[in-house]
Amino acid sequence: MSLFKSYKLYLKKSDKVISVSKARNVLDVLLEEGVVIDYACQNVFCGRCKVTVLEGMENIEAEGALERGVKAKCEYGPMDRITCKLRLKGDVTIDL
C-alpha cells in the first residue's frame, strides 16, 4: 500500500469531506483545510486535539502507548482518538 494513497475523512457536524493521505496526520490536514479544532502541543502530550470516531475505527492505525496513556489520563473513551497522531488506512467519519 502506498503512503500517498488518500482516504476520505468525513466531518459529520460540518458536513465536509477531506482527502487525507496515509502519510499525513489528521490534525495537520484539518488545520490546512481551515477546520477549527482545539490543539496545543501537536505531539500527543496534551490530548487537546481529540475527536470521536463515529464510523471506520477499523480504518485507523493502532494507537501507540503514549496515546493510550494520554487518553487514560484525560479519561477519553475507546472511540476517541488524538488527531496529531491519527493516521488513516481507510475512510473514517469523525464528530467535527
PDB file of N, CA and C in Angstrom:
ATOM      1  N   MET A   1       0.849  -1.184   0.000  1.00  0.00           N
ATOM      2  CA  MET A   1       0.000   0.000   0.000  1.00  0.00           C
ATOM      3  C   MET A   1       0.893   1.244   0.000  1.00  0.00           C
ATOM      4  N   SER A   2       0.576   2.156  -0.849  1.00  0.00           N
ATOM      5  CA  SER A   2       1.359   3.386  -0.997  1.00  0.00           C
ATOM      6  C   SER A   2       1.080   4.374   0.129  1.00  0.00           C
ATOM      7  N   LEU A   3       2.145   5.076   0.564  1.00  0.00           N
ATOM      8  CA  LEU A   3       1.971   6.134   1.570  1.00  0.00           C
ATOM      9  C   LEU A   3       1.187   7.310   1.012  1.00  0.00           C
ATOM     10  N   PHE A   4       1.101   7.395  -0.306  1.00  0.00           N
ATOM     11  CA  PHE A   4       0.438   8.540  -0.928  1.00  0.00           C
ATOM     12  C   PHE A   4      -1.023   8.273  -1.256  1.00  0.00           C
ATOM     13  N   LYS A   5      -1.507   7.089  -0.943  1.00  0.00           N
ATOM     14  CA  LYS A   5      -2.926   6.793  -1.138  1.00  0.00           C
ATOM     15  C   LYS A   5      -3.732   7.697  -0.221  1.00  0.00           C
ATOM     16  N   SER A   6      -4.816   8.230  -0.747  1.00  0.00           N
ATOM     17  CA  SER A   6      -5.663   9.121   0.050  1.00  0.00           C
ATOM     18  C   SER A   6      -6.967   8.435   0.429  1.00  0.00           C
ATOM     19  N   TYR A   7      -7.456   8.824   1.588  1.00  0.00           N
ATOM     20  CA  TYR A   7      -8.725   8.309   2.092  1.00  0.00           C
ATOM     21  C   TYR A   7      -9.643   9.480   2.392  1.00  0.00           C
ATOM     22  N   LYS A   8     -10.916   9.186   2.536  1.00  0.00           N
ATOM     23  CA  LYS A   8     -11.893  10.233   2.828  1.00  0.00           C
ATOM     24  C   LYS A   8     -12.107  10.335   4.331  1.00  0.00           C
ATOM     25  N   LEU A   9     -12.011  11.553   4.817  1.00  0.00           N
ATOM     26  CA  LEU A   9     -12.315  11.859   6.210  1.00  0.00           C
ATOM     27  C   LEU A   9     -13.609  12.670   6.195  1.00  0.00           C
ATOM     28  N   TYR A  10     -14.664  12.087   6.715  1.00  0.00           N
ATOM     29  CA  TYR A  10     -15.972  12.743   6.757  1.00  0.00           C
ATOM     30  C   TYR A  10     -16.116  13.477   8.088  1.00  0.00           C
ATOM     31  N   LEU A  11     -16.433  14.759   8.018  1.00  0.00           N
ATOM     32  CA  LEU A  11     -16.672  15.563   9.216  1.00  0.00           C
ATOM     33  C   LEU A  11     -18.182  15.681   9.382  1.00  0.00           C
ATOM     34  N   LYS A  12     -18.728  14.939  10.316  1.00  0.00           N
ATOM     35  CA  LYS A  12     -20.184  14.793  10.478  1.00  0.00           C
ATOM     36  C   LYS A  12     -20.883  16.123  10.756  1.00  0.00           C
ATOM     37  N   LYS A  13     -20.417  16.882  11.747  1.00  0.00           N
ATOM     38  CA  LYS A  13     -21.113  18.110  12.157  1.00  0.00           C
ATOM     39  C   LYS A  13     -21.052  19.200  11.090  1.00  0.00           C
ATOM     40  N   SER A  14     -19.932  19.295  10.380  1.00  0.00           N
ATOM     41  CA  SER A  14     -19.790  20.355   9.383  1.00  0.00           C
ATOM     42  C   SER A  14     -20.134  19.884   7.975  1.00  0.00           C
ATOM     43  N   ASP A  15     -20.508  18.605   7.839  1.00  0.00           N
ATOM     44  CA  ASP A  15     -20.921  18.042   6.550  1.00  0.00           C
ATOM     45  C   ASP A  15     -19.865  18.305   5.475  1.00  0.00           C
ATOM     46  N   LYS A  16     -18.614  17.992   5.818  1.00  0.00           N
ATOM     47  CA  LYS A  16     -17.487  18.235   4.923  1.00  0.00           C
ATOM     48  C   LYS A  16     -16.735  16.928   4.717  1.00  0.00           C
ATOM     49  N   VAL A  17     -16.116  16.781   3.540  1.00  0.00           N
ATOM     50  CA  VAL A  17     -15.290  15.615   3.248  1.00  0.00           C
ATOM     51  C   VAL A  17     -13.899  16.116   2.867  1.00  0.00           C
ATOM     52  N   ILE A  18     -12.878  15.548   3.501  1.00  0.00           N
ATOM     53  CA  ILE A  18     -11.497  15.944   3.265  1.00  0.00           C
ATOM     54  C   ILE A  18     -10.702  14.710   2.838  1.00  0.00           C
ATOM     55  N   SER A  19      -9.827  14.888   1.885  1.00  0.00           N
ATOM     56  CA  SER A  19      -8.940  13.817   1.456  1.00  0.00           C
ATOM     57  C   SER A  19      -7.682  13.843   2.323  1.00  0.00           C
ATOM     58  N   VAL A  20      -7.325  12.669   2.890  1.00  0.00           N
ATOM     59  CA  VAL A  20      -6.178  12.575   3.786  1.00  0.00           C
ATOM     60  C   VAL A  20      -5.259  11.457   3.305  1.00  0.00           C
ATOM     61  N   SER A  21      -4.010  11.785   3.044  1.00  0.00           N
ATOM     62  CA  SER A  21      -3.007  10.796   2.649  1.00  0.00           C
ATOM     63  C   SER A  21      -2.612   9.961   3.860  1.00  0.00           C
ATOM     64  N   LYS A  22      -2.309   8.694   3.607  1.00  0.00           N
ATOM     65  CA  LYS A  22      -1.844   7.800   4.665  1.00  0.00           C
ATOM     66  C   LYS A  22      -0.587   8.349   5.345  1.00  0.00           C
ATOM     67  N   ALA A  23       0.194   9.129   4.629  1.00  0.00           N
ATOM     68  CA  ALA A  23       1.460   9.651   5.150  1.00  0.00           C
ATOM     69  C   ALA A  23       1.285  10.850   6.077  1.00  0.00           C
ATOM     70  N   ARG A  24       0.081  11.395   6.177  1.00  0.00           N
ATOM     71  CA  ARG A  24      -0.148  12.627   6.949  1.00  0.00           C
ATOM     72  C   ARG A  24      -0.981  12.354   8.184  1.00  0.00           C
ATOM     73  N   ASN A  25      -0.756  13.139   9.247  1.00  0.00           N
ATOM     74  CA  ASN A  25      -1.641  13.015  10.405  1.00  0.00           C
ATOM     75  C   ASN A  25      -2.869  13.895  10.180  1.00  0.00           C
ATOM     76  N   VAL A  26      -3.953  13.510  10.801  1.00  0.00           N
ATOM     77  CA  VAL A  26      -5.241  14.167  10.587  1.00  0.00           C
ATOM     78  C   VAL A  26      -5.225  15.619  11.051  1.00  0.00           C
ATOM     79  N   LEU A  27      -4.565  15.932  12.167  1.00  0.00           N
ATOM     80  CA  LEU A  27      -4.552  17.308  12.662  1.00  0.00           C
ATOM     81  C   LEU A  27      -3.969  18.263  11.628  1.00  0.00           C
ATOM     82  N   ASP A  28      -2.828  17.927  11.045  1.00  0.00           N
ATOM     83  CA  ASP A  28      -2.212  18.804  10.049  1.00  0.00           C
ATOM     84  C   ASP A  28      -3.146  19.074   8.883  1.00  0.00           C
ATOM     85  N   VAL A  29      -3.819  18.043   8.417  1.00  0.00           N
ATOM     86  CA  VAL A  29      -4.735  18.196   7.283  1.00  0.00           C
ATOM     87  C   VAL A  29      -5.938  19.054   7.677  1.00  0.00           C
ATOM     88  N   LEU A  30      -6.491  18.832   8.858  1.00  0.00           N
ATOM     89  CA  LEU A  30      -7.624  19.642   9.318  1.00  0.00           C
ATOM     90  C   LEU A  30      -7.245  21.115   9.379  1.00  0.00           C
ATOM     91  N   LEU A  31      -6.082  21.414   9.928  1.00  0.00           N
ATOM     92  CA  LEU A  31      -5.645  22.804  10.038  1.00  0.00           C
ATOM     93  C   LEU A  31      -5.435  23.423   8.656  1.00  0.00           C
ATOM     94  N   GLU A  32      -4.832  22.685   7.734  1.00  0.00           N
ATOM     95  CA  GLU A  32      -4.648  23.184   6.363  1.00  0.00           C
ATOM     96  C   GLU A  32      -5.973  23.484   5.678  1.00  0.00           C
ATOM     97  N   GLU A  33      -6.991  22.698   6.015  1.00  0.00           N
ATOM     98  CA  GLU A  33      -8.317  22.863   5.416  1.00  0.00           C
ATOM     99  C   GLU A  33      -9.145  23.938   6.125  1.00  0.00           C
ATOM    100  N   GLY A  34      -8.586  24.568   7.155  1.00  0.00           N
ATOM    101  CA  GLY A  34      -9.284  25.626   7.866  1.00  0.00           C
ATOM    102  C   GLY A  34     -10.323  25.145   8.861  1.00  0.00           C
ATOM    103  N   VAL A  35     -10.247  23.882   9.240  1.00  0.00           N
ATOM    104  CA  VAL A  35     -11.187  23.325  10.210  1.00  0.00           C
ATOM    105  C   VAL A  35     -10.760  23.771  11.611  1.00  0.00           C
ATOM    106  N   VAL A  36     -11.698  24.267  12.376  1.00  0.00           N
ATOM    107  CA  VAL A  36     -11.412  24.725  13.734  1.00  0.00           C
ATOM    108  C   VAL A  36     -11.389  23.521  14.671  1.00  0.00           C
ATOM    109  N   ILE A  37     -10.239  23.337  15.319  1.00  0.00           N
ATOM    110  CA  ILE A  37     -10.079  22.249  16.281  1.00  0.00           C
ATOM    111  C   ILE A  37      -9.117  22.737  17.370  1.00  0.00           C
ATOM    112  N   ASP A  38      -9.411  22.380  18.602  1.00  0.00           N
ATOM    113  CA  ASP A  38      -8.546  22.758  19.711  1.00  0.00           C
ATOM    114  C   ASP A  38      -7.282  21.903  19.653  1.00  0.00           C
ATOM    115  N   TYR A  39      -6.129  22.527  19.797  1.00  0.00           N
ATOM    116  CA  TYR A  39      -4.862  21.801  19.840  1.00  0.00           C
ATOM    117  C   TYR A  39      -3.831  22.681  20.532  1.00  0.00           C
ATOM    118  N   ALA A  40      -2.722  22.063  20.936  1.00  0.00           N
ATOM    119  CA  ALA A  40      -1.651  22.833  21.566  1.00  0.00           C
ATOM    120  C   ALA A  40      -0.295  22.258  21.172  1.00  0.00           C
ATOM    121  N   CYS A  41       0.073  21.139  21.724  1.00  0.00           N
ATOM    122  CA  CYS A  41       1.448  20.647  21.593  1.00  0.00           C
ATOM    123  C   CYS A  41       1.761  20.017  20.239  1.00  0.00           C
ATOM    124  N   GLN A  42       0.789  19.496  19.560  1.00  0.00           N
ATOM    125  CA  GLN A  42       0.928  18.792  18.282  1.00  0.00           C
ATOM    126  C   GLN A  42       1.824  17.554  18.386  1.00  0.00           C
ATOM    127  N   ASN A  43       1.942  17.022  19.583  1.00  0.00           N
ATOM    128  CA  ASN A  43       2.773  15.835  19.779  1.00  0.00           C
ATOM    129  C   ASN A  43       2.183  14.897  20.826  1.00  0.00           C
ATOM    130  N   VAL A  44       0.889  14.791  20.891  1.00  0.00           N
ATOM    131  CA  VAL A  44       0.081  13.880  21.704  1.00  0.00           C
ATOM    132  C   VAL A  44       0.105  14.155  23.215  1.00  0.00           C
ATOM    133  N   PHE A  45       1.043  14.924  23.730  1.00  0.00           N
ATOM    134  CA  PHE A  45       1.181  15.081  25.173  1.00  0.00           C
ATOM    135  C   PHE A  45      -0.008  15.756  25.848  1.00  0.00           C
ATOM    136  N   CYS A  46      -0.659  16.705  25.175  1.00  0.00           N
ATOM    137  CA  CYS A  46      -1.749  17.438  25.826  1.00  0.00           C
ATOM    138  C   CYS A  46      -3.115  16.776  25.614  1.00  0.00           C
ATOM    139  N   GLY A  47      -3.298  16.079  24.519  1.00  0.00           N
ATOM    140  CA  GLY A  47      -4.572  15.409  24.251  1.00  0.00           C
ATOM    141  C   GLY A  47      -5.696  16.331  23.846  1.00  0.00           C
ATOM    142  N   ARG A  48      -5.414  17.606  23.602  1.00  0.00           N
ATOM    143  CA  ARG A  48      -6.477  18.581  23.306  1.00  0.00           C
ATOM    144  C   ARG A  48      -7.112  18.410  21.933  1.00  0.00           C
ATOM    145  N   CYS A  49      -6.426  17.769  21.004  1.00  0.00           N
ATOM    146  CA  CYS A  49      -6.952  17.647  19.640  1.00  0.00           C
ATOM    147  C   CYS A  49      -7.790  16.380  19.460  1.00  0.00           C
ATOM    148  N   LYS A  50      -8.447  15.957  20.496  1.00  0.00           N
ATOM    149  CA  LYS A  50      -9.264  14.741  20.484  1.00  0.00           C
ATOM    150  C   LYS A  50     -10.490  14.889  19.602  1.00  0.00           C
ATOM    151  N   VAL A  51     -10.813  13.812  18.899  1.00  0.00           N
ATOM    152  CA  VAL A  51     -12.081  13.688  18.184  1.00  0.00           C
ATOM    153  C   VAL A  51     -12.670  12.333  18.532  1.00  0.00           C
ATOM    154  N   THR A  52     -13.960  12.198  18.303  1.00  0.00           N
ATOM    155  CA  THR A  52     -14.613  10.908  18.470  1.00  0.00           C
ATOM    156  C   THR A  52     -14.842  10.317  17.087  1.00  0.00           C
ATOM    157  N   VAL A  53     -14.439   9.077  16.924  1.00  0.00           N
ATOM    158  CA  VAL A  53     -14.633   8.367  15.662  1.00  0.00           C
ATOM    159  C   VAL A  53     -16.048   7.795  15.665  1.00  0.00           C
ATOM    160  N   LEU A  54     -16.827   8.184  14.677  1.00  0.00           N
ATOM    161  CA  LEU A  54     -18.206   7.728  14.573  1.00  0.00           C
ATOM    162  C   LEU A  54     -18.337   6.484  13.701  1.00  0.00           C
ATOM    163  N   GLU A  55     -17.522   6.407  12.656  1.00  0.00           N
ATOM    164  CA  GLU A  55     -17.507   5.245  11.765  1.00  0.00           C
ATOM    165  C   GLU A  55     -16.099   5.049  11.234  1.00  0.00           C
ATOM    166  N   GLY A  56     -15.730   3.790  11.041  1.00  0.00           N
ATOM    167  CA  GLY A  56     -14.453   3.487  10.417  1.00  0.00           C
ATOM    168  C   GLY A  56     -13.290   3.287  11.373  1.00  0.00           C
ATOM    169  N   MET A  57     -13.546   2.954  12.607  1.00  0.00           N
ATOM    170  CA  MET A  57     -12.451   2.748  13.565  1.00  0.00           C
ATOM    171  C   MET A  57     -11.464   1.697  13.041  1.00  0.00           C
ATOM    172  N   GLU A  58     -11.954   0.731  12.274  1.00  0.00           N
ATOM    173  CA  GLU A  58     -11.081  -0.297  11.699  1.00  0.00           C
ATOM    174  C   GLU A  58     -10.152   0.275  10.622  1.00  0.00           C
ATOM    175  N   ASN A  59     -10.417   1.506  10.182  1.00  0.00           N
ATOM    176  CA  ASN A  59      -9.623   2.156   9.142  1.00  0.00           C
ATOM    177  C   ASN A  59      -8.618   3.161   9.701  1.00  0.00           C
ATOM    178  N   ILE A  60      -8.283   3.005  10.964  1.00  0.00           N
ATOM    179  CA  ILE A  60      -7.337   3.901  11.636  1.00  0.00           C
ATOM    180  C   ILE A  60      -6.176   3.061  12.151  1.00  0.00           C
ATOM    181  N   GLU A  61      -4.967   3.597  11.996  1.00  0.00           N
ATOM    182  CA  GLU A  61      -3.812   2.876  12.520  1.00  0.00           C
ATOM    183  C   GLU A  61      -3.911   2.791  14.043  1.00  0.00           C
ATOM    184  N   ALA A  62      -3.397   1.714  14.595  1.00  0.00           N
ATOM    185  CA  ALA A  62      -3.475   1.466  16.043  1.00  0.00           C
ATOM    186  C   ALA A  62      -2.787   2.579  16.828  1.00  0.00           C
ATOM    187  N   GLU A  63      -3.349   2.874  17.970  1.00  0.00           N
ATOM    188  CA  GLU A  63      -2.742   3.901  18.826  1.00  0.00           C
ATOM    189  C   GLU A  63      -1.527   3.319  19.541  1.00  0.00           C
ATOM    190  N   GLY A  64      -0.545   4.169  19.753  1.00  0.00           N
ATOM    191  CA  GLY A  64       0.665   3.754  20.458  1.00  0.00           C
ATOM    192  C   GLY A  64       0.508   3.904  21.960  1.00  0.00           C
ATOM    193  N   ALA A  65       1.521   3.480  22.671  1.00  0.00           N
ATOM    194  CA  ALA A  65       1.499   3.514  24.135  1.00  0.00           C
ATOM    195  C   ALA A  65       1.337   4.930  24.670  1.00  0.00           C
ATOM    196  N   LEU A  66       1.990   5.901  24.050  1.00  0.00           N
ATOM    197  CA  LEU A  66       1.894   7.284  24.515  1.00  0.00           C
ATOM    198  C   LEU A  66       0.464   7.807  24.368  1.00  0.00           C
ATOM    199  N   GLU A  67      -0.157   7.547  23.228  1.00  0.00           N
ATOM    200  CA  GLU A  67      -1.545   7.983  23.038  1.00  0.00           C
ATOM    201  C   GLU A  67      -2.470   7.279  24.031  1.00  0.00           C
ATOM    202  N   ARG A  68      -2.278   5.989  24.252  1.00  0.00           N
ATOM    203  CA  ARG A  68      -3.106   5.269  25.226  1.00  0.00           C
ATOM    204  C   ARG A  68      -2.968   5.885  26.613  1.00  0.00           C
ATOM    205  N   GLY A  69      -1.735   6.270  26.995  1.00  0.00           N
ATOM    206  CA  GLY A  69      -1.509   6.876  28.301  1.00  0.00           C
ATOM    207  C   GLY A  69      -2.192   8.223  28.447  1.00  0.00           C
ATOM    208  N   VAL A  70      -2.111   9.053  27.406  1.00  0.00           N
ATOM    209  CA  VAL A  70      -2.762  10.365  27.443  1.00  0.00           C
ATOM    210  C   VAL A  70      -4.277  10.198  27.473  1.00  0.00           C
ATOM    211  N   LYS A  71      -4.794   9.254  26.693  1.00  0.00           N
ATOM    212  CA  LYS A  71      -6.241   9.011  26.707  1.00  0.00           C
ATOM    213  C   LYS A  71      -6.715   8.572  28.091  1.00  0.00           C
ATOM    214  N   ALA A  72      -5.933   7.726  28.754  1.00  0.00           N
ATOM    215  CA  ALA A  72      -6.304   7.270  30.097  1.00  0.00           C
ATOM    216  C   ALA A  72      -6.274   8.433  31.077  1.00  0.00           C
ATOM    217  N   LYS A  73      -5.226   9.261  30.997  1.00  0.00           N
ATOM    218  CA  LYS A  73      -5.092  10.416  31.894  1.00  0.00           C
ATOM    219  C   LYS A  73      -6.267  11.387  31.701  1.00  0.00           C
ATOM    220  N   CYS A  74      -6.672  11.573  30.462  1.00  0.00           N
ATOM    221  CA  CYS A  74      -7.764  12.512  30.146  1.00  0.00           C
ATOM    222  C   CYS A  74      -9.141  11.871  30.250  1.00  0.00           C
ATOM    223  N   GLU A  75      -9.176  10.573  30.549  1.00  0.00           N
ATOM    224  CA  GLU A  75     -10.420   9.808  30.666  1.00  0.00           C
ATOM    225  C   GLU A  75     -11.231   9.827  29.372  1.00  0.00           C
ATOM    226  N   TYR A  76     -10.537   9.668  28.240  1.00  0.00           N
ATOM    227  CA  TYR A  76     -11.195   9.573  26.936  1.00  0.00           C
ATOM    228  C   TYR A  76     -11.690   8.156  26.721  1.00  0.00           C
ATOM    229  N   GLY A  77     -12.733   8.023  25.929  1.00  0.00           N
ATOM    230  CA  GLY A  77     -13.322   6.727  25.660  1.00  0.00           C
ATOM    231  C   GLY A  77     -12.629   5.968  24.539  1.00  0.00           C
ATOM    232  N   PRO A  78     -13.057   4.734  24.298  1.00  0.00           N
ATOM    233  CA  PRO A  78     -12.414   3.894  23.285  1.00  0.00           C
ATOM    234  C   PRO A  78     -12.592   4.407  21.857  1.00  0.00           C
ATOM    235  N   MET A  79     -13.599   5.195  21.595  1.00  0.00           N
ATOM    236  CA  MET A  79     -13.834   5.731  20.251  1.00  0.00           C
ATOM    237  C   MET A  79     -13.178   7.097  20.059  1.00  0.00           C
ATOM    238  N   ASP A  80     -12.514   7.608  21.083  1.00  0.00           N
ATOM    239  CA  ASP A  80     -11.812   8.892  20.991  1.00  0.00           C
ATOM    240  C   ASP A  80     -10.381   8.658  20.522  1.00  0.00           C
ATOM    241  N   ARG A  81      -9.916   9.544  19.644  1.00  0.00           N
ATOM    242  CA  ARG A  81      -8.538   9.484  19.168  1.00  0.00           C
ATOM    243  C   ARG A  81      -7.945  10.885  19.160  1.00  0.00           C
ATOM    244  N   ILE A  82      -6.631  10.965  19.248  1.00  0.00           N
ATOM    245  CA  ILE A  82      -5.908  12.233  19.283  1.00  0.00           C
ATOM    246  C   ILE A  82      -5.378  12.492  17.876  1.00  0.00           C
ATOM    247  N   THR A  83      -5.864  13.556  17.245  1.00  0.00           N
ATOM    248  CA  THR A  83      -5.647  13.752  15.807  1.00  0.00           C
ATOM    249  C   THR A  83      -4.206  14.007  15.411  1.00  0.00           C
ATOM    250  N   CYS A  84      -3.365  14.515  16.298  1.00  0.00           N
ATOM    251  CA  CYS A  84      -1.970  14.768  15.915  1.00  0.00           C
ATOM    252  C   CYS A  84      -1.204  13.471  15.673  1.00  0.00           C
ATOM    253  N   LYS A  85      -1.711  12.364  16.142  1.00  0.00           N
ATOM    254  CA  LYS A  85      -1.098  11.055  15.912  1.00  0.00           C
ATOM    255  C   LYS A  85      -1.975  10.150  15.050  1.00  0.00           C
ATOM    256  N   LEU A  86      -3.116  10.648  14.651  1.00  0.00           N
ATOM    257  CA  LEU A  86      -4.090   9.841  13.920  1.00  0.00           C
ATOM    258  C   LEU A  86      -3.739   9.745  12.440  1.00  0.00           C
ATOM    259  N   ARG A  87      -3.587   8.528  11.955  1.00  0.00           N
ATOM    260  CA  ARG A  87      -3.327   8.272  10.537  1.00  0.00           C
ATOM    261  C   ARG A  87      -4.360   7.276  10.026  1.00  0.00           C
ATOM    262  N   LEU A  88      -4.831   7.541   8.822  1.00  0.00           N
ATOM    263  CA  LEU A  88      -5.892   6.722   8.241  1.00  0.00           C
ATOM    264  C   LEU A  88      -5.334   5.614   7.358  1.00  0.00           C
ATOM    265  N   LYS A  89      -6.082   4.524   7.291  1.00  0.00           N
ATOM    266  CA  LYS A  89      -5.802   3.456   6.335  1.00  0.00           C
ATOM    267  C   LYS A  89      -7.090   3.058   5.622  1.00  0.00           C
ATOM    268  N   GLY A  90      -8.066   3.964   5.659  1.00  0.00           N
ATOM    269  CA  GLY A  90      -9.356   3.785   5.010  1.00  0.00           C
ATOM    270  C   GLY A  90     -10.223   4.979   5.344  1.00  0.00           C
ATOM    271  N   ASP A  91     -11.453   4.989   4.845  1.00  0.00           N
ATOM    272  CA  ASP A  91     -12.377   6.091   5.078  1.00  0.00           C
ATOM    273  C   ASP A  91     -12.882   6.082   6.522  1.00  0.00           C
ATOM    274  N   VAL A  92     -13.025   7.301   7.089  1.00  0.00           N
ATOM    275  CA  VAL A  92     -13.400   7.460   8.504  1.00  0.00           C
ATOM    276  C   VAL A  92     -14.342   8.651   8.654  1.00  0.00           C
ATOM    277  N   THR A  93     -15.279   8.556   9.597  1.00  0.00           N
ATOM    278  CA  THR A  93     -16.174   9.654   9.952  1.00  0.00           C
ATOM    279  C   THR A  93     -15.892  10.058  11.390  1.00  0.00           C
ATOM    280  N   ILE A  94     -15.686  11.377  11.604  1.00  0.00           N
ATOM    281  CA  ILE A  94     -15.448  11.893  12.953  1.00  0.00           C
ATOM    282  C   ILE A  94     -16.493  12.940  13.324  1.00  0.00           C
ATOM    283  N   ASP A  95     -16.499  13.359  14.569  1.00  0.00           N
ATOM    284  CA  ASP A  95     -17.554  14.211  15.120  1.00  0.00           C
ATOM    285  C   ASP A  95     -17.324  15.711  14.944  1.00  0.00           C
ATOM    286  N   LEU A  96     -16.528  16.130  14.002  1.00  0.00           N
ATOM    287  CA  LEU A  96     -16.311  17.586  13.796  1.00  0.00           C
ATOM    288  C   LEU A  96     -17.315  18.135  12.807  1.00  0.00           C
TER     289      LEU A  96
END
